[in-house]
Amino acid sequence: MTSFKKLSEEQRRQYAEAIDIIENLIAQLSESDVAQGTLGDAEALIRQEGMNLTRKLKEGYLNQQNDRE
């Protein structure tokens, strides 16, 4: 697991789902079937997970704002 050393515990909690997506994406890109696939296959996976990541980062941001209120 990546430690994301620059993040506080609170930030790790607020952005936990986004962090999970990043870790899972890196793991998927490193797996033999994806690693041996085409660049187009990797790009499609990154595009799909990137959309999920964007959504979860927005949710994390909203969580952070709610916690500040």
PDB file of N, CA and C in Angstrom:
ATOM      1  N   MET A   1       0.839  -1.188   0.000  1.00  0.00           N
ATOM      2  CA  MET A   1       0.000   0.000   0.000  1.00  0.00           C
ATOM      3  C   MET A   1       0.877   1.241   0.000  1.00  0.00           C
ATOM      4  N   THR A   2       0.496   2.193  -0.807  1.00  0.00           N
ATOM      5  CA  THR A   2       1.195   3.461  -0.863  1.00  0.00           C
ATOM      6  C   THR A   2       0.842   4.253   0.383  1.00  0.00           C
ATOM      7  N   SER A   3       1.826   4.938   0.939  1.00  0.00           N
ATOM      8  CA  SER A   3       1.566   5.640   2.192  1.00  0.00           C
ATOM      9  C   SER A   3       1.030   7.049   1.995  1.00  0.00           C
ATOM     10  N   PHE A   4       1.216   7.637   0.812  1.00  0.00           N
ATOM     11  CA  PHE A   4       0.781   9.015   0.591  1.00  0.00           C
ATOM     12  C   PHE A   4       1.261   9.877   1.756  1.00  0.00           C
ATOM     13  N   LYS A   5       2.572   9.917   1.925  1.00  0.00           N
ATOM     14  CA  LYS A   5       3.216  10.531   3.081  1.00  0.00           C
ATOM     15  C   LYS A   5       2.868  11.991   3.312  1.00  0.00           C
ATOM     16  N   LYS A   6       2.524  12.707   2.266  1.00  0.00           N
ATOM     17  CA  LYS A   6       2.232  14.129   2.417  1.00  0.00           C
ATOM     18  C   LYS A   6       0.822  14.399   2.929  1.00  0.00           C
ATOM     19  N   LEU A   7       0.007  13.353   3.035  1.00  0.00           N
ATOM     20  CA  LEU A   7      -1.374  13.519   3.480  1.00  0.00           C
ATOM     21  C   LEU A   7      -1.490  13.278   4.979  1.00  0.00           C
ATOM     22  N   SER A   8      -2.324  14.068   5.608  1.00  0.00           N
ATOM     23  CA  SER A   8      -2.614  13.851   7.024  1.00  0.00           C
ATOM     24  C   SER A   8      -3.579  12.664   7.148  1.00  0.00           C
ATOM     25  N   GLU A   9      -3.737  12.183   8.343  1.00  0.00           N
ATOM     26  CA  GLU A   9      -4.698  11.096   8.583  1.00  0.00           C
ATOM     27  C   GLU A   9      -6.105  11.529   8.183  1.00  0.00           C
ATOM     28  N   GLU A  10      -6.435  12.769   8.482  1.00  0.00           N
ATOM     29  CA  GLU A  10      -7.760  13.285   8.134  1.00  0.00           C
ATOM     30  C   GLU A  10      -7.941  13.308   6.616  1.00  0.00           C
ATOM     31  N   GLN A  11      -6.919  13.745   5.899  1.00  0.00           N
ATOM     32  CA  GLN A  11      -6.996  13.758   4.437  1.00  0.00           C
ATOM     33  C   GLN A  11      -7.104  12.340   3.878  1.00  0.00           C
ATOM     34  N   ARG A  12      -6.373  11.404   4.468  1.00  0.00           N
ATOM     35  CA  ARG A  12      -6.460  10.007   4.020  1.00  0.00           C
ATOM     36  C   ARG A  12      -7.874   9.476   4.199  1.00  0.00           C
ATOM     37  N   ARG A  13      -8.520   9.870   5.285  1.00  0.00           N
ATOM     38  CA  ARG A  13      -9.898   9.440   5.536  1.00  0.00           C
ATOM     39  C   ARG A  13     -10.853  10.081   4.530  1.00  0.00           C
ATOM     40  N   GLN A  14     -10.697  11.375   4.316  1.00  0.00           N
ATOM     41  CA  GLN A  14     -11.599  12.107   3.430  1.00  0.00           C
ATOM     42  C   GLN A  14     -11.482  11.637   1.975  1.00  0.00           C
ATOM     43  N   TYR A  15     -10.293  11.260   1.573  1.00  0.00           N
ATOM     44  CA  TYR A  15     -10.029  10.865   0.190  1.00  0.00           C
ATOM     45  C   TYR A  15      -9.757   9.367   0.049  1.00  0.00           C
ATOM     46  N   ALA A  16     -10.206   8.581   0.998  1.00  0.00           N
ATOM     47  CA  ALA A  16      -9.896   7.149   1.027  1.00  0.00           C
ATOM     48  C   ALA A  16     -10.303   6.422  -0.258  1.00  0.00           C
ATOM     49  N   GLU A  17     -11.483   6.718  -0.769  1.00  0.00           N
ATOM     50  CA  GLU A  17     -11.948   6.021  -1.965  1.00  0.00           C
ATOM     51  C   GLU A  17     -11.113   6.398  -3.186  1.00  0.00           C
ATOM     52  N   ALA A  18     -10.693   7.647  -3.285  1.00  0.00           N
ATOM     53  CA  ALA A  18      -9.838   8.074  -4.390  1.00  0.00           C
ATOM     54  C   ALA A  18      -8.470   7.383  -4.297  1.00  0.00           C
ATOM     55  N   ILE A  19      -7.946   7.288  -3.103  1.00  0.00           N
ATOM     56  CA  ILE A  19      -6.663   6.622  -2.902  1.00  0.00           C
ATOM     57  C   ILE A  19      -6.765   5.148  -3.293  1.00  0.00           C
ATOM     58  N   ASP A  20      -7.864   4.514  -2.937  1.00  0.00           N
ATOM     59  CA  ASP A  20      -8.078   3.112  -3.315  1.00  0.00           C
ATOM     60  C   ASP A  20      -8.090   2.944  -4.831  1.00  0.00           C
ATOM     61  N   ILE A  21      -8.723   3.874  -5.529  1.00  0.00           N
ATOM     62  CA  ILE A  21      -8.772   3.787  -6.993  1.00  0.00           C
ATOM     63  C   ILE A  21      -7.366   3.896  -7.575  1.00  0.00           C
ATOM     64  N   ILE A  22      -6.568   4.825  -7.069  1.00  0.00           N
ATOM     65  CA  ILE A  22      -5.191   4.984  -7.556  1.00  0.00           C
ATOM     66  C   ILE A  22      -4.400   3.702  -7.328  1.00  0.00           C
ATOM     67  N   GLU A  23      -4.477   3.161  -6.124  1.00  0.00           N
ATOM     68  CA  GLU A  23      -3.735   1.934  -5.809  1.00  0.00           C
ATOM     69  C   GLU A  23      -4.186   0.767  -6.683  1.00  0.00           C
ATOM     70  N   ASN A  24      -5.500   0.632  -6.857  1.00  0.00           N
ATOM     71  CA  ASN A  24      -6.024  -0.462  -7.680  1.00  0.00           C
ATOM     72  C   ASN A  24      -5.628  -0.301  -9.145  1.00  0.00           C
ATOM     73  N   LEU A  25      -5.638   0.922  -9.641  1.00  0.00           N
ATOM     74  CA  LEU A  25      -5.263   1.168 -11.024  1.00  0.00           C
ATOM     75  C   LEU A  25      -3.804   0.802 -11.261  1.00  0.00           C
ATOM     76  N   ILE A  26      -2.931   1.210 -10.367  1.00  0.00           N
ATOM     77  CA  ILE A  26      -1.515   0.858 -10.495  1.00  0.00           C
ATOM     78  C   ILE A  26      -1.339  -0.657 -10.457  1.00  0.00           C
ATOM     79  N   ALA A  27      -2.052  -1.319  -9.562  1.00  0.00           N
ATOM     80  CA  ALA A  27      -1.971  -2.785  -9.483  1.00  0.00           C
ATOM     81  C   ALA A  27      -2.459  -3.423 -10.780  1.00  0.00           C
ATOM     82  N   GLN A  28      -3.574  -2.918 -11.327  1.00  0.00           N
ATOM     83  CA  GLN A  28      -4.109  -3.479 -12.571  1.00  0.00           C
ATOM     84  C   GLN A  28      -3.146  -3.270 -13.730  1.00  0.00           C
ATOM     85  N   LEU A  29      -2.532  -2.107 -13.810  1.00  0.00           N
ATOM     86  CA  LEU A  29      -1.587  -1.828 -14.885  1.00  0.00           C
ATOM     87  C   LEU A  29      -0.337  -2.696 -14.785  1.00  0.00           C
ATOM     88  N   SER A  30      -0.041  -3.159 -13.586  1.00  0.00           N
ATOM     89  CA  SER A  30       1.140  -3.989 -13.359  1.00  0.00           C
ATOM     90  C   SER A  30       0.868  -5.474 -13.547  1.00  0.00           C
ATOM     91  N   GLU A  31      -0.415  -5.864 -13.564  1.00  0.00           N
ATOM     92  CA  GLU A  31      -0.744  -7.284 -13.735  1.00  0.00           C
ATOM     93  C   GLU A  31      -0.328  -7.747 -15.117  1.00  0.00           C
ATOM     94  N   SER A  32       0.041  -8.995 -15.218  1.00  0.00           N
ATOM     95  CA  SER A  32       0.617  -9.509 -16.455  1.00  0.00           C
ATOM     96  C   SER A  32      -0.302  -9.364 -17.658  1.00  0.00           C
ATOM     97  N   ASP A  33      -1.617  -9.593 -17.509  1.00  0.00           N
ATOM     98  CA  ASP A  33      -2.497  -9.515 -18.669  1.00  0.00           C
ATOM     99  C   ASP A  33      -2.631  -8.090 -19.189  1.00  0.00           C
ATOM    100  N   VAL A  34      -2.665  -7.110 -18.312  1.00  0.00           N
ATOM    101  CA  VAL A  34      -2.743  -5.717 -18.753  1.00  0.00           C
ATOM    102  C   VAL A  34      -1.368  -5.240 -19.206  1.00  0.00           C
ATOM    103  N   ALA A  35      -0.334  -5.601 -18.453  1.00  0.00           N
ATOM    104  CA  ALA A  35       1.022  -5.169 -18.789  1.00  0.00           C
ATOM    105  C   ALA A  35       1.450  -5.698 -20.156  1.00  0.00           C
ATOM    106  N   GLN A  36       0.939  -6.852 -20.544  1.00  0.00           N
ATOM    107  CA  GLN A  36       1.299  -7.433 -21.833  1.00  0.00           C
ATOM    108  C   GLN A  36       0.322  -7.030 -22.931  1.00  0.00           C
ATOM    109  N   GLY A  37      -0.722  -6.291 -22.586  1.00  0.00           N
ATOM    110  CA  GLY A  37      -1.701  -5.839 -23.569  1.00  0.00           C
ATOM    111  C   GLY A  37      -1.172  -4.661 -24.357  1.00  0.00           C
ATOM    112  N   THR A  38      -2.053  -4.081 -25.126  1.00  0.00           N
ATOM    113  CA  THR A  38      -1.664  -2.943 -25.949  1.00  0.00           C
ATOM    114  C   THR A  38      -1.744  -1.648 -25.145  1.00  0.00           C
ATOM    115  N   LEU A  39      -1.117  -0.638 -25.682  1.00  0.00           N
ATOM    116  CA  LEU A  39      -1.200   0.681 -25.063  1.00  0.00           C
ATOM    117  C   LEU A  39      -2.648   1.156 -25.061  1.00  0.00           C
ATOM    118  N   GLY A  40      -3.387   0.828 -26.106  1.00  0.00           N
ATOM    119  CA  GLY A  40      -4.800   1.196 -26.176  1.00  0.00           C
ATOM    120  C   GLY A  40      -5.609   0.578 -25.055  1.00  0.00           C
ATOM    121  N   ASP A  41      -5.302  -0.679 -24.706  1.00  0.00           N
ATOM    122  CA  ASP A  41      -5.987  -1.338 -23.591  1.00  0.00           C
ATOM    123  C   ASP A  41      -5.694  -0.610 -22.280  1.00  0.00           C
ATOM    124  N   ALA A  42      -4.425  -0.254 -22.089  1.00  0.00           N
ATOM    125  CA  ALA A  42      -4.043   0.458 -20.864  1.00  0.00           C
ATOM    126  C   ALA A  42      -4.702   1.831 -20.819  1.00  0.00           C
ATOM    127  N   GLU A  43      -4.740   2.512 -21.964  1.00  0.00           N
ATOM    128  CA  GLU A  43      -5.372   3.831 -22.012  1.00  0.00           C
ATOM    129  C   GLU A  43      -6.862   3.754 -21.697  1.00  0.00           C
ATOM    130  N   ALA A  44      -7.526   2.722 -22.195  1.00  0.00           N
ATOM    131  CA  ALA A  44      -8.955   2.552 -21.915  1.00  0.00           C
ATOM    132  C   ALA A  44      -9.185   2.342 -20.424  1.00  0.00           C
ATOM    133  N   LEU A  45      -8.350   1.536 -19.805  1.00  0.00           N
ATOM    134  CA  LEU A  45      -8.467   1.300 -18.368  1.00  0.00           C
ATOM    135  C   LEU A  45      -8.222   2.597 -17.595  1.00  0.00           C
ATOM    136  N   ILE A  46      -7.190   3.328 -17.977  1.00  0.00           N
ATOM    137  CA  ILE A  46      -6.879   4.586 -17.311  1.00  0.00           C
ATOM    138  C   ILE A  46      -8.020   5.585 -17.491  1.00  0.00           C
ATOM    139  N   ARG A  47      -8.586   5.640 -18.678  1.00  0.00           N
ATOM    140  CA  ARG A  47      -9.703   6.557 -18.939  1.00  0.00           C
ATOM    141  C   ARG A  47     -10.903   6.216 -18.059  1.00  0.00           C
ATOM    142  N   GLN A  48     -11.235   4.933 -18.011  1.00  0.00           N
ATOM    143  CA  GLN A  48     -12.386   4.498 -17.210  1.00  0.00           C
ATOM    144  C   GLN A  48     -12.160   4.775 -15.730  1.00  0.00           C
ATOM    145  N   GLU A  49     -11.024   4.358 -15.229  1.00  0.00           N
ATOM    146  CA  GLU A  49     -10.749   4.569 -13.804  1.00  0.00           C
ATOM    147  C   GLU A  49     -10.503   6.037 -13.491  1.00  0.00           C
ATOM    148  N   GLY A  50     -10.010   6.770 -14.476  1.00  0.00           N
ATOM    149  CA  GLY A  50      -9.802   8.205 -14.285  1.00  0.00           C
ATOM    150  C   GLY A  50     -11.109   8.937 -14.039  1.00  0.00           C
ATOM    151  N   MET A  51     -12.158   8.510 -14.727  1.00  0.00           N
ATOM    152  CA  MET A  51     -13.476   9.116 -14.496  1.00  0.00           C
ATOM    153  C   MET A  51     -13.955   8.820 -13.084  1.00  0.00           C
ATOM    154  N   ASN A  52     -13.757   7.582 -12.643  1.00  0.00           N
ATOM    155  CA  ASN A  52     -14.121   7.222 -11.263  1.00  0.00           C
ATOM    156  C   ASN A  52     -13.289   8.009 -10.268  1.00  0.00           C
ATOM    157  N   LEU A  53     -11.998   8.148 -10.560  1.00  0.00           N
ATOM    158  CA  LEU A  53     -11.107   8.891  -9.672  1.00  0.00           C
ATOM    159  C   LEU A  53     -11.545  10.345  -9.554  1.00  0.00           C
ATOM    160  N   THR A  54     -11.880  10.957 -10.666  1.00  0.00           N
ATOM    161  CA  THR A  54     -12.334  12.347 -10.645  1.00  0.00           C
ATOM    162  C   THR A  54     -13.562  12.501  -9.758  1.00  0.00           C
ATOM    163  N   ARG A  55     -14.502  11.591  -9.889  1.00  0.00           N
ATOM    164  CA  ARG A  55     -15.716  11.642  -9.072  1.00  0.00           C
ATOM    165  C   ARG A  55     -15.381  11.500  -7.583  1.00  0.00           C
ATOM    166  N   LYS A  56     -14.496  10.568  -7.258  1.00  0.00           N
ATOM    167  CA  LYS A  56     -14.149  10.347  -5.850  1.00  0.00           C
ATOM    168  C   LYS A  56     -13.321  11.489  -5.278  1.00  0.00           C
ATOM    169  N   LEU A  57     -12.496  12.129  -6.116  1.00  0.00           N
ATOM    170  CA  LEU A  57     -11.766  13.306  -5.639  1.00  0.00           C
ATOM    171  C   LEU A  57     -12.728  14.448  -5.319  1.00  0.00           C
ATOM    172  N   LYS A  58     -13.742  14.621  -6.148  1.00  0.00           N
ATOM    173  CA  LYS A  58     -14.753  15.645  -5.868  1.00  0.00           C
ATOM    174  C   LYS A  58     -15.485  15.328  -4.574  1.00  0.00           C
ATOM    175  N   GLU A  59     -15.831  14.066  -4.373  1.00  0.00           N
ATOM    176  CA  GLU A  59     -16.490  13.669  -3.128  1.00  0.00           C
ATOM    177  C   GLU A  59     -15.581  13.912  -1.931  1.00  0.00           C
ATOM    178  N   GLY A  60     -14.291  13.600  -2.086  1.00  0.00           N
ATOM    179  CA  GLY A  60     -13.338  13.853  -1.005  1.00  0.00           C
ATOM    180  C   GLY A  60     -13.244  15.329  -0.683  1.00  0.00           C
ATOM    181  N   TYR A  61     -13.243  16.146  -1.727  1.00  0.00           N
ATOM    182  CA  TYR A  61     -13.214  17.595  -1.523  1.00  0.00           C
ATOM    183  C   TYR A  61     -14.441  18.059  -0.745  1.00  0.00           C
ATOM    184  N   LEU A  62     -15.604  17.546  -1.132  1.00  0.00           N
ATOM    185  CA  LEU A  62     -16.827  17.912  -0.418  1.00  0.00           C
ATOM    186  C   LEU A  62     -16.790  17.435   1.028  1.00  0.00           C
ATOM    187  N   ASN A  63     -16.262  16.236   1.256  1.00  0.00           N
ATOM    188  CA  ASN A  63     -16.103  15.744   2.635  1.00  0.00           C
ATOM    189  C   ASN A  63     -15.219  16.678   3.432  1.00  0.00           C
ATOM    190  N   GLN A  64     -14.133  17.107   2.814  1.00  0.00           N
ATOM    191  CA  GLN A  64     -13.200  18.020   3.482  1.00  0.00           C
ATOM    192  C   GLN A  64     -13.897  19.321   3.835  1.00  0.00           C
ATOM    193  N   GLN A  65     -14.679  19.869   2.908  1.00  0.00           N
ATOM    194  CA  GLN A  65     -15.387  21.121   3.168  1.00  0.00           C
ATOM    195  C   GLN A  65     -16.425  20.954   4.272  1.00  0.00           C
ATOM    196  N   ASN A  66     -17.133  19.829   4.264  1.00  0.00           N
ATOM    197  CA  ASN A  66     -18.132  19.566   5.310  1.00  0.00           C
ATOM    198  C   ASN A  66     -17.471  19.447   6.676  1.00  0.00           C
ATOM    199  N   ASP A  67     -16.299  18.817   6.735  1.00  0.00           N
ATOM    200  CA  ASP A  67     -15.604  18.664   7.998  1.00  0.00           C
ATOM    201  C   ASP A  67     -15.131  20.007   8.547  1.00  0.00           C
ATOM    202  N   ARG A  68     -14.877  20.953   7.672  1.00  0.00           N
ATOM    203  CA  ARG A  68     -14.414  22.284   8.104  1.00  0.00           C
ATOM    204  C   ARG A  68     -15.551  23.134   8.664  1.00  0.00           C
ATOM    205  N   GLU A  69     -16.778  22.804   8.280  1.00  0.00           N
ATOM    206  CA  GLU A  69     -17.916  23.608   8.733  1.00  0.00           C
ATOM    207  C   GLU A  69     -18.339  23.279  10.125  1.00  0.00           C
TER     208      GLU A  69
END
